[in-house]
Amino acid sequence: MINFFRDYGEKIYIYTFLSASAFFIYGIILMTNEGNFFFMKLGTLLFWCAGNIKLSYNSLFGIGFWKKFSIFLLVMFNIVSLGWALELLTDLKIMTFIMGIA
């Protein structure tokens, strides 16, 4: 499996990034017409996956400083993603619903 990721990791990242861009732009177009957020959410999720793929690839197969820097960026990227997800939950008032506050 690691050999597959070594050989095709960059291609997987590029295809994921391009599909995320397409879904996000399509979601913006639909949002202005119908108010549908599904494709924007899917594009955002694919951007997150593409970022993790790229940083994981660099942290596994990088050399020296760039390997350490990629590991640092991978940790920071996921902490920021977790913070963004928690903020989204509070913005949608899901947290107040879970806590029972009206």
N, C-alpha and C. Protein backbone atom coordinates (compact mmCIF):
# COMPACT_ATOMS: atom_id res chain seq x y z
N MET A 1 0.82 -1.19 0.00
CA MET A 1 0.00 0.00 0.00
C MET A 1 0.87 1.26 0.00
N ILE A 2 1.97 1.20 0.74
CA ILE A 2 2.85 2.37 0.80
C ILE A 2 3.51 2.61 -0.56
N ASN A 3 3.79 1.54 -1.29
CA ASN A 3 4.35 1.70 -2.64
C ASN A 3 3.35 2.35 -3.58
N PHE A 4 2.09 1.98 -3.44
CA PHE A 4 1.04 2.61 -4.25
C PHE A 4 0.97 4.10 -3.94
N PHE A 5 1.02 4.45 -2.66
CA PHE A 5 0.96 5.86 -2.28
C PHE A 5 2.20 6.61 -2.75
N ARG A 6 3.36 5.94 -2.72
CA ARG A 6 4.59 6.58 -3.20
C ARG A 6 4.50 6.86 -4.70
N ASP A 7 3.93 5.90 -5.45
CA ASP A 7 3.85 6.06 -6.90
C ASP A 7 2.75 7.01 -7.34
N TYR A 8 1.60 6.95 -6.70
CA TYR A 8 0.43 7.69 -7.18
C TYR A 8 -0.06 8.78 -6.24
N GLY A 9 0.68 9.08 -5.18
CA GLY A 9 0.22 10.08 -4.21
C GLY A 9 0.03 11.46 -4.80
N GLU A 10 0.97 11.88 -5.63
CA GLU A 10 0.85 13.21 -6.26
C GLU A 10 -0.34 13.27 -7.21
N LYS A 11 -0.57 12.20 -7.96
CA LYS A 11 -1.72 12.18 -8.88
C LYS A 11 -3.03 12.19 -8.13
N ILE A 12 -3.09 11.44 -7.02
CA ILE A 12 -4.31 11.44 -6.22
C ILE A 12 -4.57 12.84 -5.66
N TYR A 13 -3.51 13.51 -5.22
CA TYR A 13 -3.66 14.87 -4.70
C TYR A 13 -4.17 15.81 -5.78
N ILE A 14 -3.60 15.74 -6.96
CA ILE A 14 -4.00 16.65 -8.05
C ILE A 14 -5.46 16.41 -8.44
N TYR A 15 -5.86 15.14 -8.57
CA TYR A 15 -7.25 14.84 -8.95
C TYR A 15 -8.22 15.26 -7.85
N THR A 16 -7.83 15.06 -6.60
CA THR A 16 -8.70 15.47 -5.50
C THR A 16 -8.82 16.99 -5.45
N PHE A 17 -7.73 17.69 -5.65
CA PHE A 17 -7.76 19.15 -5.63
C PHE A 17 -8.60 19.71 -6.78
N LEU A 18 -8.45 19.14 -7.97
CA LEU A 18 -9.24 19.61 -9.11
C LEU A 18 -10.73 19.32 -8.93
N SER A 19 -11.06 18.15 -8.41
CA SER A 19 -12.48 17.84 -8.18
C SER A 19 -13.05 18.71 -7.07
N ALA A 20 -12.24 18.99 -6.05
CA ALA A 20 -12.71 19.89 -4.98
C ALA A 20 -12.98 21.29 -5.53
N SER A 21 -12.10 21.77 -6.38
CA SER A 21 -12.30 23.09 -6.99
C SER A 21 -13.57 23.11 -7.83
N ALA A 22 -13.78 22.05 -8.61
CA ALA A 22 -14.98 21.99 -9.46
C ALA A 22 -16.25 21.94 -8.62
N PHE A 23 -16.27 21.11 -7.58
CA PHE A 23 -17.45 21.03 -6.72
C PHE A 23 -17.70 22.35 -5.99
N PHE A 24 -16.66 23.00 -5.54
CA PHE A 24 -16.83 24.25 -4.81
C PHE A 24 -17.38 25.34 -5.73
N ILE A 25 -16.84 25.46 -6.92
CA ILE A 25 -17.34 26.47 -7.88
C ILE A 25 -18.77 26.16 -8.29
N TYR A 26 -19.06 24.87 -8.54
CA TYR A 26 -20.42 24.48 -8.89
C TYR A 26 -21.37 24.77 -7.73
N GLY A 27 -20.90 24.57 -6.50
CA GLY A 27 -21.72 24.89 -5.33
C GLY A 27 -22.00 26.37 -5.20
N ILE A 28 -21.02 27.21 -5.55
CA ILE A 28 -21.24 28.65 -5.52
C ILE A 28 -22.28 29.05 -6.57
N ILE A 29 -22.20 28.45 -7.74
CA ILE A 29 -23.18 28.73 -8.80
C ILE A 29 -24.58 28.31 -8.35
N LEU A 30 -24.70 27.11 -7.76
CA LEU A 30 -26.01 26.64 -7.31
C LEU A 30 -26.51 27.45 -6.13
N MET A 31 -25.60 27.89 -5.26
CA MET A 31 -26.01 28.65 -4.08
C MET A 31 -26.68 29.95 -4.49
N THR A 32 -26.18 30.58 -5.53
CA THR A 32 -26.77 31.85 -5.94
C THR A 32 -28.14 31.64 -6.56
N ASN A 33 -28.38 30.47 -7.14
CA ASN A 33 -29.66 30.23 -7.78
C ASN A 33 -30.68 29.56 -6.85
N GLU A 34 -30.26 28.49 -6.17
CA GLU A 34 -31.22 27.68 -5.44
C GLU A 34 -31.00 27.64 -3.93
N GLY A 35 -29.88 28.14 -3.46
CA GLY A 35 -29.59 28.06 -2.04
C GLY A 35 -29.17 26.67 -1.59
N ASN A 36 -28.61 25.87 -2.47
CA ASN A 36 -28.19 24.52 -2.14
C ASN A 36 -26.71 24.53 -1.75
N PHE A 37 -26.41 24.05 -0.54
CA PHE A 37 -25.04 24.09 -0.04
C PHE A 37 -24.32 22.75 -0.14
N PHE A 38 -24.96 21.72 -0.69
CA PHE A 38 -24.36 20.38 -0.68
C PHE A 38 -23.03 20.35 -1.42
N PHE A 39 -22.96 20.93 -2.60
CA PHE A 39 -21.74 20.85 -3.39
C PHE A 39 -20.62 21.71 -2.79
N MET A 40 -20.97 22.80 -2.11
CA MET A 40 -19.94 23.58 -1.42
C MET A 40 -19.37 22.80 -0.25
N LYS A 41 -20.23 22.09 0.47
CA LYS A 41 -19.75 21.26 1.58
C LYS A 41 -18.89 20.12 1.07
N LEU A 42 -19.29 19.51 -0.04
CA LEU A 42 -18.50 18.43 -0.62
C LEU A 42 -17.16 18.95 -1.11
N GLY A 43 -17.14 20.12 -1.72
CA GLY A 43 -15.89 20.72 -2.17
C GLY A 43 -14.97 21.05 -1.01
N THR A 44 -15.54 21.56 0.08
CA THR A 44 -14.73 21.86 1.26
C THR A 44 -14.15 20.59 1.87
N LEU A 45 -14.95 19.53 1.93
CA LEU A 45 -14.45 18.26 2.44
C LEU A 45 -13.33 17.71 1.56
N LEU A 46 -13.47 17.85 0.25
CA LEU A 46 -12.43 17.37 -0.65
C LEU A 46 -11.17 18.24 -0.56
N PHE A 47 -11.31 19.54 -0.31
CA PHE A 47 -10.13 20.38 -0.06
C PHE A 47 -9.39 19.90 1.18
N TRP A 48 -10.14 19.56 2.21
CA TRP A 48 -9.52 19.05 3.43
C TRP A 48 -8.79 17.74 3.16
N CYS A 49 -9.44 16.84 2.40
CA CYS A 49 -8.80 15.56 2.04
C CYS A 49 -7.55 15.79 1.19
N ALA A 50 -7.63 16.70 0.25
CA ALA A 50 -6.47 16.97 -0.61
C ALA A 50 -5.32 17.55 0.19
N GLY A 51 -5.60 18.42 1.12
CA GLY A 51 -4.55 18.97 1.97
C GLY A 51 -3.88 17.90 2.82
N ASN A 52 -4.68 17.01 3.38
CA ASN A 52 -4.12 15.92 4.17
C ASN A 52 -3.32 14.96 3.32
N ILE A 53 -3.77 14.69 2.11
CA ILE A 53 -3.02 13.81 1.21
C ILE A 53 -1.67 14.41 0.87
N LYS A 54 -1.66 15.68 0.52
CA LYS A 54 -0.41 16.34 0.14
C LYS A 54 0.57 16.40 1.30
N LEU A 55 0.09 16.80 2.47
CA LEU A 55 0.98 16.92 3.61
C LEU A 55 1.44 15.55 4.12
N SER A 56 0.58 14.55 4.03
CA SER A 56 0.99 13.20 4.42
C SER A 56 2.04 12.65 3.46
N TYR A 57 1.86 12.91 2.19
CA TYR A 57 2.84 12.46 1.19
C TYR A 57 4.20 13.10 1.46
N ASN A 58 4.20 14.40 1.73
CA ASN A 58 5.46 15.10 1.99
C ASN A 58 6.09 14.65 3.30
N SER A 59 5.27 14.36 4.31
CA SER A 59 5.84 13.94 5.59
C SER A 59 6.36 12.51 5.53
N LEU A 60 5.81 11.68 4.65
CA LEU A 60 6.31 10.31 4.51
C LEU A 60 7.55 10.23 3.64
N PHE A 61 7.56 10.98 2.55
CA PHE A 61 8.62 10.82 1.56
C PHE A 61 9.53 12.04 1.43
N GLY A 62 9.35 13.03 2.29
CA GLY A 62 10.22 14.19 2.27
C GLY A 62 11.58 13.87 2.88
N ILE A 63 12.51 14.80 2.74
CA ILE A 63 13.86 14.59 3.25
C ILE A 63 14.24 15.78 4.13
N GLY A 64 14.77 15.48 5.30
CA GLY A 64 15.35 16.51 6.17
C GLY A 64 14.35 17.52 6.70
N PHE A 65 14.67 18.79 6.47
CA PHE A 65 13.86 19.88 7.00
C PHE A 65 12.44 19.84 6.45
N TRP A 66 12.28 19.54 5.17
CA TRP A 66 10.95 19.56 4.57
C TRP A 66 10.04 18.48 5.14
N LYS A 67 10.64 17.36 5.56
CA LYS A 67 9.85 16.32 6.21
C LYS A 67 9.32 16.82 7.55
N LYS A 68 10.18 17.42 8.36
CA LYS A 68 9.77 17.94 9.66
C LYS A 68 8.76 19.08 9.50
N PHE A 69 8.99 19.93 8.53
CA PHE A 69 8.08 21.04 8.28
C PHE A 69 6.71 20.54 7.82
N SER A 70 6.68 19.50 7.01
CA SER A 70 5.41 18.93 6.55
C SER A 70 4.65 18.29 7.71
N ILE A 71 5.36 17.65 8.62
CA ILE A 71 4.69 17.07 9.79
C ILE A 71 4.08 18.19 10.64
N PHE A 72 4.84 19.27 10.83
CA PHE A 72 4.32 20.42 11.58
C PHE A 72 3.08 21.00 10.90
N LEU A 73 3.15 21.18 9.58
CA LEU A 73 1.99 21.72 8.85
C LEU A 73 0.80 20.77 8.90
N LEU A 74 1.06 19.48 8.86
CA LEU A 74 -0.03 18.51 8.93
C LEU A 74 -0.75 18.60 10.27
N VAL A 75 0.00 18.71 11.34
CA VAL A 75 -0.62 18.83 12.67
C VAL A 75 -1.39 20.15 12.76
N MET A 76 -0.79 21.24 12.33
CA MET A 76 -1.46 22.54 12.41
C MET A 76 -2.70 22.59 11.51
N PHE A 77 -2.61 22.00 10.33
CA PHE A 77 -3.74 21.97 9.39
C PHE A 77 -4.92 21.25 10.02
N ASN A 78 -4.66 20.14 10.69
CA ASN A 78 -5.76 19.39 11.30
C ASN A 78 -6.30 20.08 12.54
N ILE A 79 -5.45 20.78 13.29
CA ILE A 79 -5.96 21.54 14.44
C ILE A 79 -6.85 22.69 13.96
N VAL A 80 -6.43 23.37 12.91
CA VAL A 80 -7.25 24.45 12.36
C VAL A 80 -8.55 23.89 11.78
N SER A 81 -8.49 22.74 11.13
CA SER A 81 -9.69 22.12 10.59
C SER A 81 -10.66 21.72 11.70
N LEU A 82 -10.13 21.21 12.80
CA LEU A 82 -10.98 20.86 13.93
C LEU A 82 -11.61 22.12 14.53
N GLY A 83 -10.84 23.18 14.65
CA GLY A 83 -11.38 24.43 15.15
C GLY A 83 -12.45 25.00 14.24
N TRP A 84 -12.23 24.88 12.93
CA TRP A 84 -13.24 25.36 11.98
C TRP A 84 -14.52 24.54 12.09
N ALA A 85 -14.38 23.23 12.27
CA ALA A 85 -15.56 22.38 12.40
C ALA A 85 -16.33 22.70 13.68
N LEU A 86 -15.62 22.96 14.77
CA LEU A 86 -16.30 23.33 16.01
C LEU A 86 -16.99 24.68 15.89
N GLU A 87 -16.35 25.60 15.19
CA GLU A 87 -16.98 26.89 14.96
C GLU A 87 -18.23 26.75 14.11
N LEU A 88 -18.17 25.88 13.12
CA LEU A 88 -19.34 25.64 12.28
C LEU A 88 -20.48 25.06 13.10
N LEU A 89 -20.16 24.16 14.02
CA LEU A 89 -21.20 23.60 14.87
C LEU A 89 -21.85 24.68 15.73
N THR A 90 -21.05 25.59 16.26
CA THR A 90 -21.64 26.63 17.08
C THR A 90 -22.39 27.65 16.23
N ASP A 91 -21.93 27.89 15.02
CA ASP A 91 -22.65 28.83 14.15
C ASP A 91 -24.00 28.28 13.74
N LEU A 92 -24.09 26.98 13.60
CA LEU A 92 -25.36 26.37 13.21
C LEU A 92 -26.27 26.11 14.41
N LYS A 93 -25.81 26.51 15.59
CA LYS A 93 -26.54 26.36 16.84
C LYS A 93 -26.84 24.92 17.18
N ILE A 94 -26.01 24.02 16.67
CA ILE A 94 -26.15 22.62 17.03
C ILE A 94 -25.70 22.41 18.47
N MET A 95 -24.66 23.13 18.85
CA MET A 95 -24.16 22.97 20.22
C MET A 95 -25.21 23.43 21.23
N THR A 96 -25.95 24.48 20.93
CA THR A 96 -26.98 24.91 21.87
C THR A 96 -28.12 23.90 21.90
N PHE A 97 -28.40 23.27 20.79
CA PHE A 97 -29.43 22.24 20.77
C PHE A 97 -28.99 21.03 21.57
N ILE A 98 -27.70 20.64 21.43
CA ILE A 98 -27.19 19.49 22.18
C ILE A 98 -27.18 19.79 23.67
N MET A 99 -26.83 21.00 24.04
CA MET A 99 -26.75 21.35 25.45
C MET A 99 -28.11 21.66 26.05
N GLY A 100 -29.14 21.77 25.23
CA GLY A 100 -30.49 22.01 25.73
C GLY A 100 -30.80 23.45 26.04
N ILE A 101 -30.02 24.37 25.47
CA ILE A 101 -30.27 25.80 25.70
C ILE A 101 -31.07 26.32 24.51
N ALA A 102 -32.18 26.97 24.79
CA ALA A 102 -33.03 27.43 23.69
C ALA A 102 -32.64 28.78 23.21
